[in-house]
Every structure is written in structure tokens, then in C-alpha cells.
PDB file of all heavy atoms in Angstrom:
ATOM      1  N   TYR A   1       0.819  -1.141  -0.029  1.00  0.00           N
ATOM      2  CA  TYR A   1       0.018  -0.081   0.057  1.00  0.00           C
ATOM      3  C   TYR A   1       0.885   1.293  -0.021  1.00  0.00           C
ATOM      4  O   TYR A   1       0.521   2.294  -0.628  1.00  0.00           O
ATOM      5  CB  TYR A   1      -0.921   0.036   1.225  1.00  0.00           C
ATOM      6  CG  TYR A   1      -2.048  -0.985   1.187  1.00  0.00           C
ATOM      7  CD1 TYR A   1      -2.052  -2.038   0.204  1.00  0.00           C
ATOM      8  CD2 TYR A   1      -3.134  -0.979   2.050  1.00  0.00           C
ATOM      9  CE1 TYR A   1      -2.996  -2.962   0.172  1.00  0.00           C
ATOM     10  CE2 TYR A   1      -4.155  -1.940   1.969  1.00  0.00           C
ATOM     11  CZ  TYR A   1      -4.079  -2.933   1.124  1.00  0.00           C
ATOM     12  OH  TYR A   1      -5.046  -3.807   1.084  1.00  0.00           O
ATOM     13  N   LEU A   2       1.968   1.217   0.693  1.00  0.00           N
ATOM     14  CA  LEU A   2       2.917   2.333   0.756  1.00  0.00           C
ATOM     15  C   LEU A   2       3.355   2.663  -0.696  1.00  0.00           C
ATOM     16  O   LEU A   2       3.442   3.809  -1.166  1.00  0.00           O
ATOM     17  CB  LEU A   2       4.068   2.173   1.635  1.00  0.00           C
ATOM     18  CG  LEU A   2       3.797   1.974   3.132  1.00  0.00           C
ATOM     19  CD1 LEU A   2       5.104   1.824   3.913  1.00  0.00           C
ATOM     20  CD2 LEU A   2       2.908   3.132   3.588  1.00  0.00           C
ATOM     21  N   LYS A   3       3.666   1.630  -1.510  1.00  0.00           N
ATOM     22  CA  LYS A   3       4.056   1.820  -2.938  1.00  0.00           C
ATOM     23  C   LYS A   3       2.897   2.338  -3.752  1.00  0.00           C
ATOM     24  O   LYS A   3       3.161   3.260  -4.461  1.00  0.00           O
ATOM     25  CB  LYS A   3       4.553   0.508  -3.444  1.00  0.00           C
ATOM     26  CG  LYS A   3       5.835  -0.034  -2.842  1.00  0.00           C
ATOM     27  CD  LYS A   3       6.249  -1.390  -3.509  1.00  0.00           C
ATOM     28  CE  LYS A   3       7.504  -1.930  -2.819  1.00  0.00           C
ATOM     29  NZ  LYS A   3       7.931  -3.242  -3.355  1.00  0.00           N
ATOM     30  N   LEU A   4       1.706   1.678  -3.567  1.00  0.00           N
ATOM     31  CA  LEU A   4       0.536   2.161  -4.349  1.00  0.00           C
ATOM     32  C   LEU A   4       0.190   3.566  -4.145  1.00  0.00           C
ATOM     33  O   LEU A   4      -0.262   4.310  -5.044  1.00  0.00           O
ATOM     34  CB  LEU A   4      -0.658   1.325  -3.987  1.00  0.00           C
ATOM     35  CG  LEU A   4      -0.638  -0.192  -4.512  1.00  0.00           C
ATOM     36  CD1 LEU A   4      -1.833  -0.955  -3.882  1.00  0.00           C
ATOM     37  CD2 LEU A   4      -0.796  -0.215  -6.107  1.00  0.00           C
ATOM     38  N   PHE A   5       0.358   4.082  -2.905  1.00  0.00           N
ATOM     39  CA  PHE A   5      -0.099   5.422  -2.519  1.00  0.00           C
ATOM     40  C   PHE A   5       1.026   6.465  -2.447  1.00  0.00           C
ATOM     41  O   PHE A   5       0.913   7.494  -1.885  1.00  0.00           O
ATOM     42  CB  PHE A   5      -0.787   5.367  -1.158  1.00  0.00           C
ATOM     43  CG  PHE A   5      -1.892   4.363  -1.051  1.00  0.00           C
ATOM     44  CD1 PHE A   5      -2.250   3.744   0.131  1.00  0.00           C
ATOM     45  CD2 PHE A   5      -2.664   3.994  -2.243  1.00  0.00           C
ATOM     46  CE1 PHE A   5      -3.269   2.852   0.281  1.00  0.00           C
ATOM     47  CE2 PHE A   5      -3.619   3.091  -2.104  1.00  0.00           C
ATOM     48  CZ  PHE A   5      -3.985   2.430  -0.932  1.00  0.00           C
ATOM     49  N   GLY A   6       2.173   6.129  -3.087  1.00  0.00           N
ATOM     50  CA  GLY A   6       3.210   7.102  -3.291  1.00  0.00           C
ATOM     51  C   GLY A   6       4.009   7.396  -2.081  1.00  0.00           C
ATOM     52  O   GLY A   6       4.684   8.527  -1.975  1.00  0.00           O
ATOM     53  N   LEU A   7       4.114   6.419  -1.071  1.00  0.00           N
ATOM     54  CA  LEU A   7       4.797   6.728   0.169  1.00  0.00           C
ATOM     55  C   LEU A   7       6.106   5.828   0.255  1.00  0.00           C
ATOM     56  O   LEU A   7       6.709   6.028   1.294  1.00  0.00           O
ATOM     57  CB  LEU A   7       3.833   6.462   1.339  1.00  0.00           C
ATOM     58  CG  LEU A   7       2.774   7.429   1.473  1.00  0.00           C
ATOM     59  CD1 LEU A   7       1.708   6.876   2.494  1.00  0.00           C
ATOM     60  CD2 LEU A   7       3.133   8.816   1.932  1.00  0.00           C
ATOM     61  N   GLU A   8       6.371   5.184  -0.672  1.00  0.00           N
ATOM     62  CA  GLU A   8       7.600   4.345  -0.670  1.00  0.00           C
ATOM     63  C   GLU A   8       8.809   5.177  -0.505  1.00  0.00           C
ATOM     64  O   GLU A   8       9.036   6.112  -1.257  1.00  0.00           O
ATOM     65  CB  GLU A   8       7.795   3.431  -1.836  1.00  0.00           C
ATOM     66  CG  GLU A   8       8.936   2.441  -1.708  1.00  0.00           C
ATOM     67  CD  GLU A   8       9.084   1.564  -3.017  1.00  0.00           C
ATOM     68  OE1 GLU A   8       8.439   1.809  -3.984  1.00  0.00           O
ATOM     69  OE2 GLU A   8       9.770   0.536  -2.890  1.00  0.00           O
ATOM     70  N   GLY A   9       9.761   4.904   0.527  1.00  0.00           N
ATOM     71  CA  GLY A   9      10.822   5.744   0.722  1.00  0.00           C
ATOM     72  C   GLY A   9      10.591   6.950   1.557  1.00  0.00           C
ATOM     73  O   GLY A   9      11.637   7.742   1.796  1.00  0.00           O
ATOM     74  N   LYS A  10       9.412   7.302   1.759  1.00  0.00           N
ATOM     75  CA  LYS A  10       9.025   8.673   2.477  1.00  0.00           C
ATOM     76  C   LYS A  10       8.586   8.378   3.904  1.00  0.00           C
ATOM     77  O   LYS A  10       8.162   9.316   4.515  1.00  0.00           O
ATOM     78  CB  LYS A  10       7.914   9.195   1.690  1.00  0.00           C
ATOM     79  CG  LYS A  10       8.279   9.624   0.174  1.00  0.00           C
ATOM     80  CD  LYS A  10       7.139  10.270  -0.593  1.00  0.00           C
ATOM     81  CE  LYS A  10       7.448  10.661  -1.929  1.00  0.00           C
ATOM     82  NZ  LYS A  10       6.359  11.174  -2.629  1.00  0.00           N
ATOM     83  N   ILE A  11       8.641   7.219   4.410  1.00  0.00           N
ATOM     84  CA  ILE A  11       8.289   6.920   5.733  1.00  0.00           C
ATOM     85  C   ILE A  11       9.543   6.249   6.527  1.00  0.00           C
ATOM     86  O   ILE A  11      10.216   5.523   5.899  1.00  0.00           O
ATOM     87  CB  ILE A  11       7.099   5.872   5.757  1.00  0.00           C
ATOM     88  CG1 ILE A  11       5.835   6.711   5.273  1.00  0.00           C
ATOM     89  CG2 ILE A  11       6.891   5.226   7.079  1.00  0.00           C
ATOM     90  CD1 ILE A  11       4.560   5.767   5.255  1.00  0.00           C
ATOM     91  N   ASP A  12       9.553   6.539   7.769  1.00  0.00           N
ATOM     92  CA  ASP A  12      10.553   6.007   8.593  1.00  0.00           C
ATOM     93  C   ASP A  12      10.113   4.607   9.104  1.00  0.00           C
ATOM     94  O   ASP A  12       9.168   4.564   9.947  1.00  0.00           O
ATOM     95  CB  ASP A  12      11.017   6.898   9.778  1.00  0.00           C
ATOM     96  CG  ASP A  12      12.078   6.334  10.760  1.00  0.00           C
ATOM     97  OD1 ASP A  12      12.673   5.360  10.307  1.00  0.00           O
ATOM     98  OD2 ASP A  12      12.102   6.756  11.914  1.00  0.00           O
ATOM     99  N   LEU A  13      10.587   3.575   8.532  1.00  0.00           N
ATOM    100  CA  LEU A  13      10.066   2.281   8.888  1.00  0.00           C
ATOM    101  C   LEU A  13      10.769   1.828  10.227  1.00  0.00           C
ATOM    102  O   LEU A  13      12.003   1.577  10.311  1.00  0.00           O
ATOM    103  CB  LEU A  13      10.312   1.207   7.805  1.00  0.00           C
ATOM    104  CG  LEU A  13       9.653   1.417   6.453  1.00  0.00           C
ATOM    105  CD1 LEU A  13      10.033   0.418   5.496  1.00  0.00           C
ATOM    106  CD2 LEU A  13       8.132   1.400   6.713  1.00  0.00           C
ATOM    107  N   ALA A  14       9.969   1.673  11.254  1.00  0.00           N
ATOM    108  CA  ALA A  14      10.478   1.450  12.577  1.00  0.00           C
ATOM    109  C   ALA A  14      11.013   0.001  12.652  1.00  0.00           C
ATOM    110  O   ALA A  14      10.411  -0.963  12.208  1.00  0.00           O
ATOM    111  CB  ALA A  14       9.379   1.619  13.653  1.00  0.00           C
ATOM    112  N   GLU A  15      12.157  -0.147  13.377  1.00  0.00           N
ATOM    113  CA  GLU A  15      12.749  -1.411  13.594  1.00  0.00           C
ATOM    114  C   GLU A  15      12.342  -1.903  14.881  1.00  0.00           C
ATOM    115  O   GLU A  15      13.090  -2.056  15.839  1.00  0.00           O
ATOM    116  CB  GLU A  15      14.305  -1.340  13.513  1.00  0.00           C
ATOM    117  CG  GLU A  15      14.876  -1.001  12.201  1.00  0.00           C
ATOM    118  CD  GLU A  15      14.553  -2.128  11.120  1.00  0.00           C
ATOM    119  OE1 GLU A  15      14.633  -3.262  11.517  1.00  0.00           O
ATOM    120  OE2 GLU A  15      14.358  -1.743   9.951  1.00  0.00           O
ATOM    121  N   VAL A  16      11.040  -2.277  15.132  1.00  0.00           N
ATOM    122  CA  VAL A  16      10.449  -2.763  16.246  1.00  0.00           C
ATOM    123  C   VAL A  16       9.599  -3.997  15.941  1.00  0.00           C
ATOM    124  O   VAL A  16       8.992  -3.979  14.802  1.00  0.00           O
ATOM    125  CB  VAL A  16       9.561  -1.669  16.957  1.00  0.00           C
ATOM    126  CG1 VAL A  16       8.984  -2.252  18.237  1.00  0.00           C
ATOM    127  CG2 VAL A  16      10.362  -0.366  17.185  1.00  0.00           C
ATOM    128  N   GLU A  17       9.651  -4.964  16.853  1.00  0.00           N
ATOM    129  CA  GLU A  17       8.775  -6.117  16.564  1.00  0.00           C
ATOM    130  C   GLU A  17       7.377  -5.800  16.669  1.00  0.00           C
ATOM    131  O   GLU A  17       6.934  -4.997  17.503  1.00  0.00           O
ATOM    132  CB  GLU A  17       9.162  -7.306  17.499  1.00  0.00           C
ATOM    133  CG  GLU A  17      10.568  -7.842  17.343  1.00  0.00           C
ATOM    134  CD  GLU A  17      10.654  -8.657  16.087  1.00  0.00           C
ATOM    135  OE1 GLU A  17       9.722  -9.249  15.600  1.00  0.00           O
ATOM    136  OE2 GLU A  17      11.818  -8.519  15.450  1.00  0.00           O
ATOM    137  N   LEU A  18       6.439  -6.367  15.861  1.00  0.00           N
ATOM    138  CA  LEU A  18       5.020  -6.104  15.969  1.00  0.00           C
ATOM    139  C   LEU A  18       4.472  -6.386  17.376  1.00  0.00           C
ATOM    140  O   LEU A  18       3.554  -5.651  17.708  1.00  0.00           O
ATOM    141  CB  LEU A  18       4.226  -6.958  14.846  1.00  0.00           C
ATOM    142  CG  LEU A  18       2.763  -6.576  14.743  1.00  0.00           C
ATOM    143  CD1 LEU A  18       2.592  -5.000  14.359  1.00  0.00           C
ATOM    144  CD2 LEU A  18       2.165  -7.442  13.643  1.00  0.00           C
ATOM    145  N   SER A  19       4.976  -7.365  18.012  1.00  0.00           N
ATOM    146  CA  SER A  19       4.493  -7.716  19.359  1.00  0.00           C
ATOM    147  C   SER A  19       4.809  -6.554  20.380  1.00  0.00           C
ATOM    148  O   SER A  19       4.115  -6.508  21.352  1.00  0.00           O
ATOM    149  CB  SER A  19       5.223  -9.003  19.836  1.00  0.00           C
ATOM    150  OG  SER A  19       6.672  -8.811  19.859  1.00  0.00           O
ATOM    151  N   ASN A  20       5.694  -5.627  20.078  1.00  0.00           N
ATOM    152  CA  ASN A  20       5.921  -4.489  20.886  1.00  0.00           C
ATOM    153  C   ASN A  20       5.308  -3.183  20.359  1.00  0.00           C
ATOM    154  O   ASN A  20       5.639  -2.121  20.815  1.00  0.00           O
ATOM    155  CB  ASN A  20       7.523  -4.374  20.959  1.00  0.00           C
ATOM    156  CG  ASN A  20       8.119  -5.473  21.642  1.00  0.00           C
ATOM    157  OD1 ASN A  20       7.550  -6.062  22.730  1.00  0.00           O
ATOM    158  ND2 ASN A  20       9.301  -5.769  21.202  1.00  0.00           N
ATOM    159  N   ALA A  21       4.422  -3.298  19.424  1.00  0.00           N
ATOM    160  CA  ALA A  21       3.811  -2.124  18.767  1.00  0.00           C
ATOM    161  C   ALA A  21       3.084  -1.309  19.744  1.00  0.00           C
ATOM    162  O   ALA A  21       3.135   0.017  19.651  1.00  0.00           O
ATOM    163  CB  ALA A  21       2.887  -2.600  17.571  1.00  0.00           C
ATOM    164  N   VAL A  22       2.306  -1.853  20.650  1.00  0.00           N
ATOM    165  CA  VAL A  22       1.471  -1.083  21.509  1.00  0.00           C
ATOM    166  C   VAL A  22       2.255  -0.254  22.512  1.00  0.00           C
ATOM    167  O   VAL A  22       2.141   0.967  22.614  1.00  0.00           O
ATOM    168  CB  VAL A  22       0.398  -2.019  22.318  1.00  0.00           C
ATOM    169  CG1 VAL A  22      -0.354  -1.162  23.311  1.00  0.00           C
ATOM    170  CG2 VAL A  22      -0.576  -2.578  21.295  1.00  0.00           C
ATOM    171  N   PRO A  23       3.181  -0.840  23.282  1.00  0.00           N
ATOM    172  CA  PRO A  23       4.053   0.010  24.183  1.00  0.00           C
ATOM    173  C   PRO A  23       4.952   1.031  23.385  1.00  0.00           C
ATOM    174  O   PRO A  23       5.084   2.130  23.855  1.00  0.00           O
ATOM    175  CB  PRO A  23       4.953  -0.974  24.909  1.00  0.00           C
ATOM    176  CG  PRO A  23       4.848  -2.338  24.116  1.00  0.00           C
ATOM    177  CD  PRO A  23       3.461  -2.280  23.513  1.00  0.00           C
ATOM    178  N   ALA A  24       5.354   0.689  22.156  1.00  0.00           N
ATOM    179  CA  ALA A  24       6.154   1.589  21.347  1.00  0.00           C
ATOM    180  C   ALA A  24       5.267   2.716  20.893  1.00  0.00           C
ATOM    181  O   ALA A  24       5.721   3.923  20.918  1.00  0.00           O
ATOM    182  CB  ALA A  24       6.709   0.865  20.108  1.00  0.00           C
ATOM    183  N   LEU A  25       4.033   2.530  20.598  1.00  0.00           N
ATOM    184  CA  LEU A  25       2.997   3.630  20.272  1.00  0.00           C
ATOM    185  C   LEU A  25       2.770   4.459  21.503  1.00  0.00           C
ATOM    186  O   LEU A  25       2.751   5.699  21.370  1.00  0.00           O
ATOM    187  CB  LEU A  25       1.819   3.055  19.709  1.00  0.00           C
ATOM    188  CG  LEU A  25       0.837   4.020  19.082  1.00  0.00           C
ATOM    189  CD1 LEU A  25       1.306   4.558  17.727  1.00  0.00           C
ATOM    190  CD2 LEU A  25      -0.564   3.343  18.858  1.00  0.00           C
ATOM    191  N   LYS A  26       2.574   3.842  22.575  1.00  0.00           N
ATOM    192  CA  LYS A  26       2.169   4.583  23.750  1.00  0.00           C
ATOM    193  C   LYS A  26       3.282   5.517  24.249  1.00  0.00           C
ATOM    194  O   LYS A  26       3.016   6.596  24.742  1.00  0.00           O
ATOM    195  CB  LYS A  26       1.861   3.540  24.887  1.00  0.00           C
ATOM    196  CG  LYS A  26       1.255   4.133  26.118  1.00  0.00           C
ATOM    197  CD  LYS A  26       0.868   3.068  27.088  1.00  0.00           C
ATOM    198  CE  LYS A  26       0.254   3.690  28.430  1.00  0.00           C
ATOM    199  NZ  LYS A  26      -0.234   2.677  29.353  1.00  0.00           N
ATOM    200  N   ASN A  27       4.563   5.042  24.185  1.00  0.00           N
ATOM    201  CA  ASN A  27       5.643   5.821  24.748  1.00  0.00           C
ATOM    202  C   ASN A  27       6.280   6.782  23.605  1.00  0.00           C
ATOM    203  O   ASN A  27       7.294   7.505  23.896  1.00  0.00           O
ATOM    204  CB  ASN A  27       6.863   5.012  25.373  1.00  0.00           C
ATOM    205  CG  ASN A  27       7.451   4.070  24.341  1.00  0.00           C
ATOM    206  OD1 ASN A  27       7.594   4.362  23.102  1.00  0.00           O
ATOM    207  ND2 ASN A  27       7.985   2.938  24.765  1.00  0.00           N
ATOM    208  N   GLY A  28       5.639   6.761  22.449  1.00  0.00           N
ATOM    209  CA  GLY A  28       6.110   7.813  21.469  1.00  0.00           C
ATOM    210  C   GLY A  28       7.237   7.342  20.557  1.00  0.00           C
ATOM    211  O   GLY A  28       7.763   8.067  19.773  1.00  0.00           O
ATOM    212  N   GLN A  29       7.634   6.036  20.790  1.00  0.00           N
ATOM    213  CA  GLN A  29       8.782   5.505  19.963  1.00  0.00           C
ATOM    214  C   GLN A  29       8.492   5.418  18.463  1.00  0.00           C
ATOM    215  O   GLN A  29       9.235   5.467  17.615  1.00  0.00           O
ATOM    216  CB  GLN A  29       9.155   4.157  20.543  1.00  0.00           C
ATOM    217  CG  GLN A  29      10.389   3.607  19.954  1.00  0.00           C
ATOM    218  CD  GLN A  29      10.789   2.142  20.529  1.00  0.00           C
ATOM    219  OE1 GLN A  29      10.134   1.740  21.550  1.00  0.00           O
ATOM    220  NE2 GLN A  29      11.774   1.497  19.891  1.00  0.00           N
ATOM    221  N   ILE A  30       7.116   5.132  18.251  1.00  0.00           N
ATOM    222  CA  ILE A  30       6.577   5.105  16.851  1.00  0.00           C
ATOM    223  C   ILE A  30       5.352   5.937  16.683  1.00  0.00           C
ATOM    224  O   ILE A  30       4.742   6.225  17.724  1.00  0.00           O
ATOM    225  CB  ILE A  30       6.226   3.735  16.376  1.00  0.00           C
ATOM    226  CG1 ILE A  30       5.228   3.066  17.264  1.00  0.00           C
ATOM    227  CG2 ILE A  30       7.520   2.791  16.235  1.00  0.00           C
ATOM    228  CD1 ILE A  30       4.706   1.624  16.794  1.00  0.00           C
ATOM    229  N   ASP A  31       4.968   6.316  15.561  1.00  0.00           N
ATOM    230  CA  ASP A  31       3.780   7.127  15.232  1.00  0.00           C
ATOM    231  C   ASP A  31       2.543   6.258  14.962  1.00  0.00           C
ATOM    232  O   ASP A  31       1.393   6.734  15.127  1.00  0.00           O
ATOM    233  CB  ASP A  31       4.055   8.178  14.202  1.00  0.00           C
ATOM    234  CG  ASP A  31       5.054   9.212  14.544  1.00  0.00           C
ATOM    235  OD1 ASP A  31       4.854   9.889  15.620  1.00  0.00           O
ATOM    236  OD2 ASP A  31       6.046   9.368  13.782  1.00  0.00           O
ATOM    237  N   GLY A  32       2.891   5.153  14.473  1.00  0.00           N
ATOM    238  CA  GLY A  32       1.759   4.249  14.133  1.00  0.00           C
ATOM    239  C   GLY A  32       2.290   2.865  13.780  1.00  0.00           C
ATOM    240  O   GLY A  32       3.419   2.589  13.654  1.00  0.00           O
ATOM    241  N   PHE A  33       1.302   1.928  13.549  1.00  0.00           N
ATOM    242  CA  PHE A  33       1.644   0.530  13.101  1.00  0.00           C
ATOM    243  C   PHE A  33       0.585   0.039  12.269  1.00  0.00           C
ATOM    244  O   PHE A  33      -0.542   0.515  12.199  1.00  0.00           O
ATOM    245  CB  PHE A  33       1.915  -0.319  14.269  1.00  0.00           C
ATOM    246  CG  PHE A  33       0.741  -0.658  15.173  1.00  0.00           C
ATOM    247  CD1 PHE A  33      -0.125  -1.824  14.952  1.00  0.00           C
ATOM    248  CD2 PHE A  33       0.406   0.131  16.331  1.00  0.00           C
ATOM    249  CE1 PHE A  33      -1.215  -2.051  15.732  1.00  0.00           C
ATOM    250  CE2 PHE A  33      -0.683  -0.096  17.129  1.00  0.00           C
ATOM    251  CZ  PHE A  33      -1.509  -1.246  16.820  1.00  0.00           C
ATOM    252  N   VAL A  34       0.945  -0.968  11.449  1.00  0.00           N
ATOM    253  CA  VAL A  34       0.019  -1.623  10.527  1.00  0.00           C
ATOM    254  C   VAL A  34      -0.079  -3.212  11.006  1.00  0.00           C
ATOM    255  O   VAL A  34       0.900  -3.773  11.230  1.00  0.00           O
ATOM    256  CB  VAL A  34       0.590  -1.647   9.021  1.00  0.00           C
ATOM    257  CG1 VAL A  34      -0.279  -2.298   8.145  1.00  0.00           C
ATOM    258  CG2 VAL A  34       0.964  -0.109   8.587  1.00  0.00           C
TER     259      VAL A  34
END
């Protein structure tokens, strides 16, 4: 979807495991998750 919607290379892809997405979002380490 990032490629389809013109966002490829324009997003900082976080190096965090998906299992840690919620605490990472809560403490501001990431802005969002898929």
C-alpha cells in the first residue's frame, strides 16, 4: 500500500517487533503501526 499510494521511501520504517507495537506507540517511539 505504501508503494501504491506514493509513500515508498518517504516513511521511517521502525525497527520494532510487531509484538511490541502497543508499548512503542504509547511511549512515542513510533507514530503508528500496521
